Amino acid sequence: MKTLLPNVNTSEGCFEIGVTISNPVFTEDAINKRKQERELLDKICIVSMLARLRLMQKGCWQ
């Protein structure tokens, strides 16, 4: 039986790994990746919401 692992090259995969193994480095990396993926910032998911929140705190997002 094959196990599908999350793709660490995507912000969603990175976030999923970070949550699964309780590693804040992966979750922070996912948030930073999502900030660069402007087309995905409006997607309704936790990583997008956290990325938008960080950008709002810096005054870069309205």
PDB file of N, CA and C in Angstrom:
ATOM      1  N   MET A   1       0.836  -1.173   0.000  1.00  0.00           N
ATOM      2  CA  MET A   1       0.000   0.000   0.000  1.00  0.00           C
ATOM      3  C   MET A   1       0.888   1.245   0.000  1.00  0.00           C
ATOM      4  N   LYS A   2       0.575   2.182  -0.872  1.00  0.00           N
ATOM      5  CA  LYS A   2       1.358   3.407  -0.962  1.00  0.00           C
ATOM      6  C   LYS A   2       0.791   4.468  -0.024  1.00  0.00           C
ATOM      7  N   THR A   3       1.688   5.238   0.551  1.00  0.00           N
ATOM      8  CA  THR A   3       1.282   6.361   1.387  1.00  0.00           C
ATOM      9  C   THR A   3       1.628   7.640   0.650  1.00  0.00           C
ATOM     10  N   LEU A   4       0.662   8.509   0.490  1.00  0.00           N
ATOM     11  CA  LEU A   4       0.913   9.792  -0.162  1.00  0.00           C
ATOM     12  C   LEU A   4       1.330  10.813   0.882  1.00  0.00           C
ATOM     13  N   LEU A   5       2.504  11.342   0.710  1.00  0.00           N
ATOM     14  CA  LEU A   5       3.011  12.356   1.630  1.00  0.00           C
ATOM     15  C   LEU A   5       2.710  13.740   1.077  1.00  0.00           C
ATOM     16  N   PRO A   6       2.501  14.716   1.961  1.00  0.00           N
ATOM     17  CA  PRO A   6       2.280  16.085   1.484  1.00  0.00           C
ATOM     18  C   PRO A   6       3.511  16.598   0.745  1.00  0.00           C
ATOM     19  N   ASN A   7       3.284  17.443  -0.242  1.00  0.00           N
ATOM     20  CA  ASN A   7       4.367  18.020  -1.026  1.00  0.00           C
ATOM     21  C   ASN A   7       4.981  19.183  -0.249  1.00  0.00           C
ATOM     22  N   VAL A   8       6.216  19.038   0.161  1.00  0.00           N
ATOM     23  CA  VAL A   8       6.884  20.062   0.959  1.00  0.00           C
ATOM     24  C   VAL A   8       7.204  21.309   0.132  1.00  0.00           C
ATOM     25  N   ASN A   9       7.107  21.211  -1.184  1.00  0.00           N
ATOM     26  CA  ASN A   9       7.394  22.359  -2.046  1.00  0.00           C
ATOM     27  C   ASN A   9       6.224  23.326  -2.160  1.00  0.00           C
ATOM     28  N   THR A  10       5.069  22.957  -1.625  1.00  0.00           N
ATOM     29  CA  THR A  10       3.914  23.852  -1.659  1.00  0.00           C
ATOM     30  C   THR A  10       3.652  24.370  -0.255  1.00  0.00           C
ATOM     31  N   SER A  11       3.023  25.520  -0.168  1.00  0.00           N
ATOM     32  CA  SER A  11       2.729  26.083   1.146  1.00  0.00           C
ATOM     33  C   SER A  11       1.752  25.199   1.918  1.00  0.00           C
ATOM     34  N   GLU A  12       0.775  24.621   1.227  1.00  0.00           N
ATOM     35  CA  GLU A  12      -0.191  23.757   1.913  1.00  0.00           C
ATOM     36  C   GLU A  12       0.465  22.487   2.439  1.00  0.00           C
ATOM     37  N   GLY A  13       1.328  21.876   1.631  1.00  0.00           N
ATOM     38  CA  GLY A  13       2.027  20.672   2.063  1.00  0.00           C
ATOM     39  C   GLY A  13       2.959  20.947   3.223  1.00  0.00           C
ATOM     40  N   CYS A  14       3.649  22.055   3.157  1.00  0.00           N
ATOM     41  CA  CYS A  14       4.570  22.454   4.218  1.00  0.00           C
ATOM     42  C   CYS A  14       3.801  22.682   5.523  1.00  0.00           C
ATOM     43  N   PHE A  15       2.647  23.350   5.420  1.00  0.00           N
ATOM     44  CA  PHE A  15       1.823  23.620   6.590  1.00  0.00           C
ATOM     45  C   PHE A  15       1.297  22.312   7.181  1.00  0.00           C
ATOM     46  N   GLU A  16       0.848  21.406   6.318  1.00  0.00           N
ATOM     47  CA  GLU A  16       0.322  20.121   6.783  1.00  0.00           C
ATOM     48  C   GLU A  16       1.394  19.325   7.524  1.00  0.00           C
ATOM     49  N   ILE A  17       2.598  19.313   7.000  1.00  0.00           N
ATOM     50  CA  ILE A  17       3.698  18.614   7.671  1.00  0.00           C
ATOM     51  C   ILE A  17       3.997  19.272   9.014  1.00  0.00           C
ATOM     52  N   GLY A  18       4.047  20.601   9.030  1.00  0.00           N
ATOM     53  CA  GLY A  18       4.335  21.317  10.269  1.00  0.00           C
ATOM     54  C   GLY A  18       3.328  21.026  11.359  1.00  0.00           C
ATOM     55  N   VAL A  19       2.048  20.971  10.986  1.00  0.00           N
ATOM     56  CA  VAL A  19       1.005  20.668  11.964  1.00  0.00           C
ATOM     57  C   VAL A  19       1.093  19.209  12.401  1.00  0.00           C
ATOM     58  N   THR A  20       1.319  18.323  11.449  1.00  0.00           N
ATOM     59  CA  THR A  20       1.370  16.892  11.757  1.00  0.00           C
ATOM     60  C   THR A  20       2.503  16.557  12.720  1.00  0.00           C
ATOM     61  N   ILE A  21       3.672  17.127  12.503  1.00  0.00           N
ATOM     62  CA  ILE A  21       4.815  16.800  13.369  1.00  0.00           C
ATOM     63  C   ILE A  21       5.073  17.872  14.427  1.00  0.00           C
ATOM     64  N   SER A  22       4.150  18.821  14.541  1.00  0.00           N
ATOM     65  CA  SER A  22       4.254  19.904  15.537  1.00  0.00           C
ATOM     66  C   SER A  22       5.582  20.641  15.436  1.00  0.00           C
ATOM     67  N   ASN A  23       5.951  21.004  14.209  1.00  0.00           N
ATOM     68  CA  ASN A  23       7.208  21.707  13.975  1.00  0.00           C
ATOM     69  C   ASN A  23       6.908  23.123  13.498  1.00  0.00           C
ATOM     70  N   PRO A  24       7.175  24.133  14.347  1.00  0.00           N
ATOM     71  CA  PRO A  24       6.867  25.514  13.969  1.00  0.00           C
ATOM     72  C   PRO A  24       7.682  26.023  12.784  1.00  0.00           C
ATOM     73  N   VAL A  25       8.827  25.421  12.504  1.00  0.00           N
ATOM     74  CA  VAL A  25       9.642  25.852  11.371  1.00  0.00           C
ATOM     75  C   VAL A  25       8.890  25.605  10.062  1.00  0.00           C
ATOM     76  N   PHE A  26       8.252  24.446   9.956  1.00  0.00           N
ATOM     77  CA  PHE A  26       7.484  24.140   8.748  1.00  0.00           C
ATOM     78  C   PHE A  26       6.281  25.066   8.610  1.00  0.00           C
ATOM     79  N   THR A  27       5.592  25.345   9.722  1.00  0.00           N
ATOM     80  CA  THR A  27       4.411  26.207   9.626  1.00  0.00           C
ATOM     81  C   THR A  27       4.807  27.632   9.265  1.00  0.00           C
ATOM     82  N   GLU A  28       5.890  28.135   9.826  1.00  0.00           N
ATOM     83  CA  GLU A  28       6.367  29.481   9.473  1.00  0.00           C
ATOM     84  C   GLU A  28       6.795  29.540   8.014  1.00  0.00           C
ATOM     85  N   ASP A  29       7.469  28.489   7.562  1.00  0.00           N
ATOM     86  CA  ASP A  29       7.891  28.429   6.164  1.00  0.00           C
ATOM     87  C   ASP A  29       6.675  28.433   5.240  1.00  0.00           C
ATOM     88  N   ALA A  30       5.638  27.714   5.630  1.00  0.00           N
ATOM     89  CA  ALA A  30       4.410  27.679   4.824  1.00  0.00           C
ATOM     90  C   ALA A  30       3.772  29.057   4.743  1.00  0.00           C
ATOM     91  N   ILE A  31       3.733  29.762   5.858  1.00  0.00           N
ATOM     92  CA  ILE A  31       3.149  31.107   5.874  1.00  0.00           C
ATOM     93  C   ILE A  31       3.963  32.040   4.992  1.00  0.00           C
ATOM     94  N   ASN A  32       5.278  31.951   5.082  1.00  0.00           N
ATOM     95  CA  ASN A  32       6.134  32.798   4.245  1.00  0.00           C
ATOM     96  C   ASN A  32       5.997  32.458   2.762  1.00  0.00           C
ATOM     97  N   LYS A  33       5.871  31.167   2.445  1.00  0.00           N
ATOM     98  CA  LYS A  33       5.663  30.772   1.046  1.00  0.00           C
ATOM     99  C   LYS A  33       4.341  31.326   0.537  1.00  0.00           C
ATOM    100  N   ARG A  34       3.301  31.252   1.362  1.00  0.00           N
ATOM    101  CA  ARG A  34       1.978  31.698   0.935  1.00  0.00           C
ATOM    102  C   ARG A  34       1.961  33.211   0.696  1.00  0.00           C
ATOM    103  N   LYS A  35       2.755  33.955   1.449  1.00  0.00           N
ATOM    104  CA  LYS A  35       2.839  35.403   1.218  1.00  0.00           C
ATOM    105  C   LYS A  35       3.335  35.698  -0.195  1.00  0.00           C
ATOM    106  N   GLN A  36       4.184  34.829  -0.727  1.00  0.00           N
ATOM    107  CA  GLN A  36       4.725  35.015  -2.070  1.00  0.00           C
ATOM    108  C   GLN A  36       3.777  34.519  -3.157  1.00  0.00           C
ATOM    109  N   GLU A  37       2.817  33.702  -2.775  1.00  0.00           N
ATOM    110  CA  GLU A  37       1.855  33.140  -3.723  1.00  0.00           C
ATOM    111  C   GLU A  37       0.591  34.003  -3.727  1.00  0.00           C
ATOM    112  N   ARG A  38       0.690  35.172  -4.301  1.00  0.00           N
ATOM    113  CA  ARG A  38      -0.410  36.143  -4.252  1.00  0.00           C
ATOM    114  C   ARG A  38      -1.735  35.584  -4.760  1.00  0.00           C
ATOM    115  N   GLU A  39      -1.680  34.719  -5.766  1.00  0.00           N
ATOM    116  CA  GLU A  39      -2.930  34.183  -6.323  1.00  0.00           C
ATOM    117  C   GLU A  39      -3.629  33.238  -5.345  1.00  0.00           C
ATOM    118  N   LEU A  40      -2.909  32.731  -4.348  1.00  0.00           N
ATOM    119  CA  LEU A  40      -3.504  31.813  -3.375  1.00  0.00           C
ATOM    120  C   LEU A  40      -3.856  32.484  -2.052  1.00  0.00           C
ATOM    121  N   LEU A  41      -3.507  33.762  -1.898  1.00  0.00           N
ATOM    122  CA  LEU A  41      -3.790  34.437  -0.631  1.00  0.00           C
ATOM    123  C   LEU A  41      -5.281  34.541  -0.342  1.00  0.00           C
ATOM    124  N   ASP A  42      -6.124  34.562  -1.358  1.00  0.00           N
ATOM    125  CA  ASP A  42      -7.562  34.668  -1.148  1.00  0.00           C
ATOM    126  C   ASP A  42      -8.231  33.320  -0.914  1.00  0.00           C
ATOM    127  N   LYS A  43      -7.473  32.259  -1.025  1.00  0.00           N
ATOM    128  CA  LYS A  43      -8.028  30.927  -0.810  1.00  0.00           C
ATOM    129  C   LYS A  43      -8.441  30.789   0.656  1.00  0.00           C
ATOM    130  N   ILE A  44      -9.571  30.159   0.883  1.00  0.00           N
ATOM    131  CA  ILE A  44     -10.061  30.008   2.250  1.00  0.00           C
ATOM    132  C   ILE A  44      -9.430  28.760   2.864  1.00  0.00           C
ATOM    133  N   CYS A  45      -8.353  28.980   3.597  1.00  0.00           N
ATOM    134  CA  CYS A  45      -7.695  27.911   4.332  1.00  0.00           C
ATOM    135  C   CYS A  45      -6.849  28.563   5.423  1.00  0.00           C
ATOM    136  N   ILE A  46      -6.430  27.782   6.379  1.00  0.00           N
ATOM    137  CA  ILE A  46      -5.724  28.322   7.538  1.00  0.00           C
ATOM    138  C   ILE A  46      -4.431  29.019   7.141  1.00  0.00           C
ATOM    139  N   VAL A  47      -3.640  28.404   6.279  1.00  0.00           N
ATOM    140  CA  VAL A  47      -2.346  28.998   5.927  1.00  0.00           C
ATOM    141  C   VAL A  47      -2.531  30.343   5.227  1.00  0.00           C
ATOM    142  N   SER A  48      -3.553  30.478   4.389  1.00  0.00           N
ATOM    143  CA  SER A  48      -3.809  31.765   3.731  1.00  0.00           C
ATOM    144  C   SER A  48      -4.242  32.815   4.745  1.00  0.00           C
ATOM    145  N   MET A  49      -5.094  32.414   5.668  1.00  0.00           N
ATOM    146  CA  MET A  49      -5.562  33.355   6.688  1.00  0.00           C
ATOM    147  C   MET A  49      -4.411  33.841   7.560  1.00  0.00           C
ATOM    148  N   LEU A  50      -3.523  32.937   7.939  1.00  0.00           N
ATOM    149  CA  LEU A  50      -2.367  33.337   8.742  1.00  0.00           C
ATOM    150  C   LEU A  50      -1.432  34.250   7.953  1.00  0.00           C
ATOM    151  N   ALA A  51      -1.235  33.949   6.681  1.00  0.00           N
ATOM    152  CA  ALA A  51      -0.371  34.792   5.846  1.00  0.00           C
ATOM    153  C   ALA A  51      -0.969  36.187   5.696  1.00  0.00           C
ATOM    154  N   ARG A  52      -2.299  36.271   5.463  1.00  0.00           N
ATOM    155  CA  ARG A  52      -2.944  37.583   5.350  1.00  0.00           C
ATOM    156  C   ARG A  52      -2.836  38.355   6.654  1.00  0.00           C
ATOM    157  N   LEU A  53      -3.005  37.666   7.780  1.00  0.00           N
ATOM    158  CA  LEU A  53      -2.890  38.317   9.085  1.00  0.00           C
ATOM    159  C   LEU A  53      -1.501  38.907   9.273  1.00  0.00           C
ATOM    160  N   ARG A  54      -0.464  38.146   8.917  1.00  0.00           N
ATOM    161  CA  ARG A  54       0.910  38.655   9.048  1.00  0.00           C
ATOM    162  C   ARG A  54       1.131  39.871   8.155  1.00  0.00           C
ATOM    163  N   LEU A  55       0.584  39.829   6.934  1.00  0.00           N
ATOM    164  CA  LEU A  55       0.731  40.966   6.022  1.00  0.00           C
ATOM    165  C   LEU A  55      -0.035  42.181   6.540  1.00  0.00           C
ATOM    166  N   MET A  56      -1.209  41.964   7.136  1.00  0.00           N
ATOM    167  CA  MET A  56      -1.985  43.082   7.690  1.00  0.00           C
ATOM    168  C   MET A  56      -1.246  43.720   8.856  1.00  0.00           C
ATOM    169  N   GLN A  57      -0.612  42.900   9.680  1.00  0.00           N
ATOM    170  CA  GLN A  57       0.134  43.423  10.819  1.00  0.00           C
ATOM    171  C   GLN A  57       1.285  44.310  10.363  1.00  0.00           C
ATOM    172  N   LYS A  58       1.849  44.004   9.204  1.00  0.00           N
ATOM    173  CA  LYS A  58       2.943  44.811   8.658  1.00  0.00           C
ATOM    174  C   LYS A  58       2.427  45.976   7.827  1.00  0.00           C
ATOM    175  N   GLY A  59       1.105  46.041   7.609  1.00  0.00           N
ATOM    176  CA  GLY A  59       0.525  47.115   6.816  1.00  0.00           C
ATOM    177  C   GLY A  59       0.652  46.908   5.322  1.00  0.00           C
ATOM    178  N   CYS A  60       0.882  45.669   4.897  1.00  0.00           N
ATOM    179  CA  CYS A  60       1.064  45.369   3.474  1.00  0.00           C
ATOM    180  C   CYS A  60      -0.188  44.806   2.821  1.00  0.00           C
ATOM    181  N   TRP A  61      -1.256  44.591   3.563  1.00  0.00           N
ATOM    182  CA  TRP A  61      -2.469  43.970   3.028  1.00  0.00           C
ATOM    183  C   TRP A  61      -3.674  44.703   3.583  1.00  0.00           C
ATOM    184  N   GLN A  62      -4.691  44.876   2.738  1.00  0.00           N
ATOM    185  CA  GLN A  62      -5.890  45.593   3.192  1.00  0.00           C
ATOM    186  C   GLN A  62      -7.083  44.694   3.166  1.00  0.00           C
TER     187      GLN A  62
END
